């Protein structure tokens, strides 16, 4: 008899089913016969199914009457049946194969009763890793309407289960950051400090969480902690890439940490200085902390994302800091490191309880360095709760030279 293990996911099966029911209700109202999902984060959100996304399409489809199927490459069938509770698993031999997977999918959808008018997150599998193929509308001769905006709005407001996973991620971000700060010293390289902190934090997380940690794509996936090249004057680049730089006295550093727990992420970042900070370093550092608190105070239900970014921009303007501005105040976060909506002057999405954001206004001076703190917060009924906990004062974030 086939050995079948219960599906393991950080989100209860009942909540996953409720998500699918909400999407089905929208699809029914729109008069569609069903929906088709190609995006891996969307499939994970609605089913809890984890898989490596590559040139081989993985698809989830559900008819308005409730019948559903997952569509995977043949070599994924055994694992999918063993690790999930999908009642219907369909497959194709290989990509691109003698017959393209999208044409096989069209027959599966027809057999499922999905056709004529279909809702989808996109009109076919996205062109990643060299994938090429016909669109969903081409192979089904159906009218395909996009449903990604509806899905994004659902994902924007997190459930208590999602918030608990993000909160747990935040705890491990803080642990990793403590290790990263401990291992960062003059003469050590970026790679040495980052790899050591990430490995030790990951092993600690695995030991403590055990089976309650999951959603890994590879054996080495886990906590990350590092600088992504934002070291010395390079820290004035809001985004950089790692170069295994050796730390020197006088460097300004901008950190990054992450710790996916069943795929859900918090973000914790800090500006640090090696050796005694100069007066200008202190000035920009203090304004960075103050700007973050402006955003904390502005973020609450009823305002818009633009209002929060506007409050920070007014602080920058009032203190002659606009020349040091590079990026908006923050972004939503959850199953993806960056999600909508965005704390940006151009995003007028109303803020609502359950939304989770990074708060990370920064100041960047090419002559001095960059200064950015990032904390992850959840919007509550009357304000916010900060889900990451790490010192933000310059004394705590000064590394001995």
Protein backbone atom coordinates (compact mmCIF):
# COMPACT_ATOMS: atom_id res chain seq x y z
CA UNK A 1 0.00 0.00 0.00
CA UNK A 2 1.22 3.50 -0.81
CA UNK A 3 2.67 5.29 2.21
CA UNK A 4 0.85 8.58 2.63
CA UNK A 5 1.88 11.19 5.15
CA UNK A 6 -0.52 13.91 6.31
CA UNK A 7 -0.03 17.21 4.45
CA UNK A 8 2.33 19.50 6.35
CA UNK A 9 1.65 23.20 6.12
CA UNK A 10 1.85 26.15 8.43
CA UNK A 11 -1.74 27.13 7.64
CA UNK A 12 -4.63 24.86 8.76
CA UNK A 13 -6.53 23.01 6.03
CA UNK A 14 -9.77 24.72 7.05
CA UNK A 15 -8.29 28.16 6.44
CA UNK A 16 -6.93 27.08 3.04
CA UNK A 17 -10.40 25.82 2.10
CA UNK A 18 -11.98 29.09 3.23
CA UNK A 19 -9.55 30.99 0.98
CA UNK A 20 -10.54 28.87 -2.00
CA UNK A 21 -14.23 29.36 -1.18
CA UNK A 22 -13.79 33.14 -1.15
CA UNK A 23 -12.12 33.04 -4.55
CA UNK A 24 -14.80 30.72 -5.92
CA UNK A 25 -17.50 33.10 -4.75
CA UNK A 26 -15.89 35.91 -6.73
CA UNK A 27 -15.54 33.66 -9.79
CA UNK A 28 -19.24 32.71 -9.56
CA UNK A 29 -20.32 36.34 -9.35
CA UNK A 30 -18.29 37.07 -12.45
CA UNK A 31 -19.98 34.26 -14.35
CA UNK A 32 -16.81 32.20 -14.92
CA UNK A 33 -16.72 28.42 -15.03
CA UNK A 34 -13.72 28.18 -12.74
CA UNK A 35 -10.24 29.54 -12.07
CA UNK A 36 -6.71 28.53 -13.03
CA UNK A 37 -3.57 29.46 -11.06
CA UNK A 38 -0.03 29.39 -12.45
CA UNK A 39 1.87 31.52 -9.90
CA UNK A 40 3.68 29.46 -7.22
CA UNK A 41 2.95 31.88 -4.37
CA UNK A 42 -0.75 31.90 -5.32
CA UNK A 43 -0.88 28.09 -5.43
CA UNK A 44 0.86 27.97 -2.05
CA UNK A 45 -1.55 30.55 -0.64
CA UNK A 46 -4.67 28.63 -1.65
CA UNK A 47 -3.52 25.02 -1.24
CA UNK A 48 -0.40 24.87 0.95
CA UNK A 49 1.35 22.94 -1.83
CA UNK A 50 5.11 23.57 -1.96
CA UNK A 51 7.12 22.84 -5.07
CA UNK A 52 10.16 24.01 -6.99
CA UNK A 53 9.09 26.45 -9.68
CA UNK A 54 11.04 26.07 -12.91
CA UNK A 55 10.39 25.74 -16.64
CA UNK A 56 7.95 22.88 -16.00
CA UNK A 57 4.45 24.27 -15.36
CA UNK A 58 2.63 23.46 -12.12
CA UNK A 59 -1.01 24.48 -12.22
CA UNK A 60 -3.96 24.42 -9.82
CA UNK A 61 -7.51 24.67 -11.16
CA UNK A 62 -10.93 24.61 -9.54
CA UNK A 63 -14.40 24.52 -11.06
CA UNK A 64 -17.10 26.79 -9.59
CA UNK A 65 -18.89 23.70 -8.27
CA UNK A 66 -15.81 22.86 -6.20
CA UNK A 67 -14.04 20.07 -8.11
CA UNK A 68 -10.31 20.74 -8.32
CA UNK A 69 -7.13 19.31 -9.80
CA UNK A 70 -3.42 19.95 -9.59
CA UNK A 71 -1.35 19.56 -12.77
CA UNK A 72 2.31 18.59 -12.38
CA UNK A 73 5.17 16.97 -14.34
CA UNK A 74 5.03 13.18 -14.22
CA UNK A 75 8.04 12.87 -11.92
CA UNK A 76 6.20 15.00 -9.31
CA UNK A 77 3.12 12.76 -9.15
CA UNK A 78 4.37 10.32 -6.52
CA UNK A 79 5.56 13.07 -4.18
CA UNK A 80 2.43 15.13 -4.72
CA UNK A 81 0.16 12.21 -3.85
CA UNK A 82 2.24 11.32 -0.80
CA UNK A 83 2.56 14.83 0.62
CA UNK A 84 -0.81 16.42 -0.21
CA UNK A 85 -4.49 15.62 0.02
CA UNK A 86 -5.40 16.59 -3.55
CA UNK A 87 -8.11 14.23 -4.73
CA UNK A 88 -7.15 14.68 -8.37
CA UNK A 89 -3.53 14.81 -9.57
CA UNK A 90 -3.02 15.16 -13.33
CA UNK A 91 0.32 15.13 -15.11
CA UNK A 92 2.29 15.48 -18.34
CA UNK A 93 5.47 13.57 -19.38
CA UNK A 94 7.98 16.44 -19.57
CA UNK A 95 8.51 19.98 -20.86
CA UNK A 96 8.53 20.80 -23.73
CA UNK A 97 7.76 17.19 -24.57
CA UNK A 98 6.32 15.73 -27.75
CA UNK A 99 3.04 17.43 -26.85
CA UNK A 100 3.28 20.74 -25.01
CA UNK A 101 2.01 20.63 -21.40
CA UNK A 102 -0.39 23.52 -22.03
CA UNK A 103 -2.24 21.47 -24.63
CA UNK A 104 -2.55 18.58 -22.18
CA UNK A 105 -3.76 21.05 -19.55
CA UNK A 106 -6.51 22.19 -21.93
CA UNK A 107 -7.92 18.64 -21.97
CA UNK A 108 -7.73 18.40 -18.19
CA UNK A 109 -9.63 21.67 -17.83
CA UNK A 110 -12.26 20.53 -20.33
CA UNK A 111 -12.74 17.27 -18.44
CA UNK A 112 -13.00 19.25 -15.20
CA UNK A 113 -15.74 21.42 -16.74
CA UNK A 114 -13.71 24.61 -16.94
CA UNK A 115 -14.10 26.31 -20.29
CA UNK A 116 -15.80 29.08 -22.23
CA UNK A 117 -15.10 31.75 -19.63
CA UNK A 118 -12.17 31.23 -17.24
CA UNK A 119 -10.65 33.29 -14.43
CA UNK A 120 -6.86 33.08 -14.09
CA UNK A 121 -3.96 34.80 -12.38
CA UNK A 122 -2.36 35.17 -15.84
CA UNK A 123 -3.03 34.00 -19.37
CA UNK A 124 -0.67 31.05 -19.25
CA UNK A 125 2.49 29.94 -17.53
CA UNK A 126 5.01 32.78 -17.09
CA UNK A 127 8.19 32.80 -19.17
CA UNK A 128 10.69 31.77 -16.51
CA UNK A 129 13.94 29.82 -16.99
CA UNK A 130 13.48 29.66 -20.73
CA UNK A 131 9.86 28.48 -20.75
CA UNK A 132 7.92 29.13 -23.95
CA UNK A 133 4.40 28.09 -24.66
CA UNK A 134 0.93 28.98 -25.90
CA UNK A 135 -1.41 31.04 -23.77
CA UNK A 136 -4.31 29.64 -21.79
CA UNK A 137 -6.78 31.43 -24.03
CA UNK A 138 -5.15 29.94 -27.15
CA UNK A 139 -5.26 26.32 -26.01
CA UNK A 140 -8.78 26.51 -24.53
CA UNK A 141 -10.43 28.96 -26.95
CA UNK A 142 -11.86 30.53 -23.80
CA UNK A 143 -12.29 34.11 -22.67
CA UNK A 144 -9.75 34.51 -19.88
CA UNK A 145 -10.23 37.24 -17.28
CA UNK A 146 -7.56 38.17 -14.76
CA UNK A 147 -8.18 37.52 -11.09
CA UNK A 148 -4.74 38.48 -9.72
CA UNK A 149 -5.99 41.78 -8.24
CA UNK A 150 -8.59 39.89 -6.22
CA UNK A 151 -5.96 37.46 -4.96
CA UNK A 152 -3.57 40.26 -4.02
CA UNK A 153 -6.30 41.98 -2.02
CA UNK A 154 -6.98 38.72 -0.17
CA UNK A 155 -3.29 38.23 0.58
CA UNK A 156 -2.91 41.79 1.84
CA UNK A 157 -4.90 41.18 5.03
CA UNK A 158 -3.25 38.43 7.03
CA UNK A 159 -5.06 35.95 9.26
CA UNK A 160 -4.07 35.25 12.84
CA UNK A 161 -2.30 32.09 11.64
CA UNK A 162 -0.29 34.05 9.09
CA UNK A 163 0.61 36.75 11.62
CA UNK A 164 1.79 34.06 14.06
CA UNK A 165 4.16 32.67 11.42
CA UNK A 166 5.48 36.14 10.58
CA UNK A 167 5.94 36.87 14.29
CA UNK A 168 7.94 33.66 14.64
CA UNK A 169 10.02 34.67 11.63
CA UNK A 170 10.73 37.98 13.35
CA UNK A 171 12.09 36.22 16.42
CA UNK A 172 14.60 34.32 14.30
CA UNK A 173 15.53 37.44 12.36
CA UNK A 174 16.52 39.01 15.66
CA UNK A 175 18.54 35.95 16.68
CA UNK A 176 20.34 35.96 13.34
CA UNK A 177 21.04 39.68 13.62
CA UNK A 178 22.64 39.24 17.05
CA UNK A 179 24.93 36.60 15.58
CA UNK A 180 25.71 38.75 12.55
CA UNK A 181 26.62 41.69 14.75
CA UNK A 182 28.80 39.45 16.94
CA UNK A 183 30.69 38.03 13.95
CA UNK A 184 31.22 41.38 12.21
CA UNK A 185 34.68 42.74 13.09
CA UNK A 186 37.47 44.56 11.22
CA UNK A 187 39.42 42.10 9.09
CA UNK A 188 36.48 39.70 8.71
CA UNK A 189 34.79 39.54 5.32
CA UNK A 190 31.14 39.95 4.48
CA UNK A 191 30.81 36.30 3.41
CA UNK A 192 32.46 34.97 6.57
CA UNK A 193 30.13 36.88 8.91
CA UNK A 194 27.01 36.27 6.84
CA UNK A 195 27.46 32.55 6.23
CA UNK A 196 28.37 31.87 9.83
CA UNK A 197 25.40 33.83 11.21
CA UNK A 198 22.95 32.28 8.77
CA UNK A 199 24.11 28.74 9.39
CA UNK A 200 24.13 28.99 13.18
CA UNK A 201 20.74 30.69 13.25
CA UNK A 202 19.24 28.10 10.90
CA UNK A 203 20.53 25.16 12.95
CA UNK A 204 19.17 26.76 16.13
CA UNK A 205 15.78 27.35 14.50
CA UNK A 206 15.58 23.76 13.27
CA UNK A 207 16.42 22.44 16.72
CA UNK A 208 13.82 24.61 18.47
CA UNK A 209 10.95 24.48 15.97
CA UNK A 210 11.35 20.93 14.67
CA UNK A 211 8.34 19.91 12.57
CA UNK A 212 6.69 23.30 13.13
CA UNK A 213 9.24 24.77 10.70
CA UNK A 214 8.79 23.96 7.04
CA UNK A 215 8.22 25.18 3.54
CA UNK A 216 11.85 24.74 2.51
CA UNK A 217 12.70 24.35 -1.15
CA UNK A 218 16.22 23.05 -0.51
CA UNK A 219 18.15 21.38 2.29
CA UNK A 220 20.17 24.51 2.99
CA UNK A 221 17.24 26.96 2.99
CA UNK A 222 16.74 28.80 6.22
CA UNK A 223 17.71 31.97 8.01
CA UNK A 224 19.68 34.58 6.12
CA UNK A 225 21.74 37.37 7.64
CA UNK A 226 24.11 39.66 5.84
CA UNK A 227 24.82 42.98 4.18
CA UNK A 228 24.28 42.43 0.44
CA UNK A 229 27.29 44.63 -0.23
CA UNK A 230 26.03 47.65 1.73
CA UNK A 231 29.37 48.20 3.45
CA UNK A 232 31.30 51.46 3.77
CA UNK A 233 30.35 54.01 1.13
CA UNK A 234 28.51 51.25 -0.74
CA UNK A 235 25.93 51.41 2.02
CA UNK A 236 24.70 54.62 0.37
CA UNK A 237 23.31 52.45 -2.44
CA UNK A 238 19.79 51.58 -1.33
CA UNK A 239 20.19 48.18 -3.00
CA UNK A 240 23.56 46.59 -3.68
CA UNK A 241 25.04 43.13 -4.24
CA UNK A 242 27.58 41.24 -2.17
CA UNK A 243 31.29 41.38 -3.01
CA UNK A 244 32.83 39.61 0.02
CA UNK A 245 34.12 42.97 1.28
CA UNK A 246 36.44 43.08 4.27
CA UNK A 247 35.12 45.20 7.14
CA UNK A 248 37.18 48.26 8.07
CA UNK A 249 37.06 50.77 10.95
CA UNK A 250 34.80 53.66 10.00
CA UNK A 251 32.50 51.57 7.81
CA UNK A 252 28.78 52.25 7.84
CA UNK A 253 26.86 49.00 7.40
CA UNK A 254 23.27 48.21 6.44
CA UNK A 255 22.14 44.72 7.37
CA UNK A 256 19.41 42.41 6.14
CA UNK A 257 17.90 39.35 7.80
CA UNK A 258 15.13 36.95 6.90
CA UNK A 259 13.79 33.68 8.30
CA UNK A 260 10.99 32.01 6.31
CA UNK A 261 8.64 29.97 8.52
CA UNK A 262 6.35 27.92 6.30
CA UNK A 263 7.17 30.47 3.63
CA UNK A 264 6.12 33.51 5.67
CA UNK A 265 8.69 36.23 6.18
CA UNK A 266 9.49 39.06 8.51
CA UNK A 267 12.21 41.59 7.71
CA UNK A 268 14.66 43.12 10.18
CA UNK A 269 17.42 45.52 9.09
CA UNK A 270 19.69 47.93 10.93
CA UNK A 271 22.31 50.54 10.17
CA UNK A 272 25.53 49.93 12.11
CA UNK A 273 28.92 51.62 12.39
CA UNK A 274 32.36 50.11 13.00
CA UNK A 275 34.22 52.27 15.47
CA UNK A 276 33.24 55.64 16.90
CA UNK A 277 30.63 57.32 14.66
CA UNK A 278 31.31 60.80 13.33
CA UNK A 279 28.97 63.70 14.05
CA UNK A 280 27.48 63.41 10.54
CA UNK A 281 26.94 59.69 10.99
CA UNK A 282 25.11 60.38 14.24
CA UNK A 283 22.98 63.07 12.61
CA UNK A 284 21.82 60.87 9.75
CA UNK A 285 21.38 57.89 12.06
CA UNK A 286 19.20 59.86 14.48
CA UNK A 287 17.04 61.21 11.66
CA UNK A 288 16.62 57.67 10.30
CA UNK A 289 15.29 56.50 13.66
CA UNK A 290 13.03 59.56 13.95
CA UNK A 291 11.62 59.05 10.43
CA UNK A 292 10.81 55.44 11.25
CA UNK A 293 8.87 56.56 14.33
CA UNK A 294 6.99 59.09 12.20
CA UNK A 295 5.85 56.16 10.05
CA UNK A 296 4.97 54.08 13.13
CA UNK A 297 2.76 56.90 14.38
CA UNK A 298 1.13 57.50 10.98
CA UNK A 299 0.26 53.87 10.22
CA UNK A 300 -3.22 52.94 11.41
CA UNK A 301 -6.56 51.79 9.97
CA UNK A 302 -8.34 54.42 7.91
CA UNK A 303 -5.31 56.18 6.44
CA UNK A 304 -3.90 55.33 3.04
CA UNK A 305 -0.49 53.95 2.18
CA UNK A 306 0.25 57.30 0.56
CA UNK A 307 -0.54 59.09 3.84
CA UNK A 308 2.17 57.14 5.66
CA UNK A 309 4.83 57.84 3.05
CA UNK A 310 3.66 61.46 2.94
CA UNK A 311 4.23 61.87 6.68
CA UNK A 312 7.82 60.63 6.29
CA UNK A 313 8.42 62.87 3.28
CA UNK A 314 7.19 65.89 5.23
CA UNK A 315 9.64 65.03 8.01
CA UNK A 316 12.46 64.81 5.49
CA UNK A 317 11.47 68.12 3.93
CA UNK A 318 11.18 69.89 7.28
CA UNK A 319 14.70 68.76 8.19
CA UNK A 320 16.35 69.43 4.80
CA UNK A 321 16.86 65.71 4.20
CA UNK A 322 15.25 65.26 0.77
CA UNK A 323 18.66 65.09 -0.99
CA UNK A 324 19.31 61.89 0.97
CA UNK A 325 16.00 60.22 0.05
CA UNK A 326 16.10 57.16 -2.24
CA UNK A 327 13.06 54.92 -1.67
CA UNK A 328 9.55 54.73 -0.26
CA UNK A 329 8.76 54.01 3.37
CA UNK A 330 7.99 50.31 3.07
CA UNK A 331 6.03 47.48 1.52
CA UNK A 332 3.73 44.66 2.51
CA UNK A 333 5.35 41.33 3.30
CA UNK A 334 4.19 37.75 3.84
CA UNK A 335 4.61 34.76 1.53
CA UNK A 336 6.79 37.00 -0.64
CA UNK A 337 9.52 39.32 0.60
CA UNK A 338 7.81 42.17 -1.26
CA UNK A 339 4.04 42.28 -1.57
CA UNK A 340 1.42 44.90 -2.35
CA UNK A 341 0.39 47.41 -1.17
CA UNK A 342 3.35 49.78 -0.89
CA UNK A 343 3.89 52.65 1.53
CA UNK A 344 4.41 55.08 -1.32
CA UNK A 345 2.99 58.45 -2.32
CA UNK A 346 1.51 56.82 -5.42
CA UNK A 347 -0.31 53.99 -3.61
CA UNK A 348 -3.70 55.10 -2.25
CA UNK A 349 -4.74 51.72 -0.85
CA UNK A 350 -6.65 52.13 2.45
CA UNK A 351 -4.82 50.63 5.42
CA UNK A 352 -6.79 47.94 7.25
CA UNK A 353 -6.26 45.66 10.27
CA UNK A 354 -4.30 42.52 9.42
CA UNK A 355 -2.03 44.18 6.88
CA UNK A 356 1.67 43.53 7.52
CA UNK A 357 4.31 46.04 6.40
CA UNK A 358 8.00 46.71 6.60
CA UNK A 359 8.78 50.21 7.89
CA UNK A 360 12.13 51.21 6.44
CA UNK A 361 12.65 54.88 5.56
CA UNK A 362 16.33 55.48 4.90
CA UNK A 363 18.86 58.24 4.32
CA UNK A 364 21.75 57.79 1.90
CA UNK A 365 24.81 60.04 1.57
CA UNK A 366 27.49 58.99 -0.94
CA UNK A 367 30.16 60.78 1.15
CA UNK A 368 29.21 59.07 4.43
CA UNK A 369 27.11 55.94 3.86
CA UNK A 370 23.55 54.73 4.10
CA UNK A 371 21.28 54.50 7.14
CA UNK A 372 18.19 52.28 7.17
CA UNK A 373 16.31 50.46 9.89
CA UNK A 374 13.58 48.04 8.83
CA UNK A 375 11.01 46.57 11.19
CA UNK A 376 7.99 44.44 10.39
CA UNK A 377 4.64 45.56 11.82
CA UNK A 378 1.04 44.36 11.71
CA UNK A 379 -1.82 46.83 11.62
CA UNK A 380 -4.24 46.36 14.53
CA UNK A 381 -7.67 47.83 15.19
CA UNK A 382 -6.19 50.98 16.73
CA UNK A 383 -2.58 51.19 15.51
CA UNK A 384 0.25 48.72 14.98
CA UNK A 385 2.13 45.92 16.71
CA UNK A 386 5.86 45.67 15.95
CA UNK A 387 6.72 42.04 15.16
CA UNK A 388 10.52 42.47 15.17
CA UNK A 389 12.44 43.36 18.30
CA UNK A 390 16.01 44.64 18.11
CA UNK A 391 17.85 47.69 19.49
CA UNK A 392 17.72 50.78 17.31
CA UNK A 393 20.03 53.19 19.19
CA UNK A 394 23.46 53.99 17.82
CA UNK A 395 25.29 52.89 20.97
CA UNK A 396 23.88 49.36 20.66
CA UNK A 397 24.68 49.28 16.97
CA UNK A 398 28.30 50.44 17.15
CA UNK A 399 30.80 47.64 16.58
CA UNK A 400 34.17 47.93 18.34
CA UNK A 401 37.04 48.80 16.02
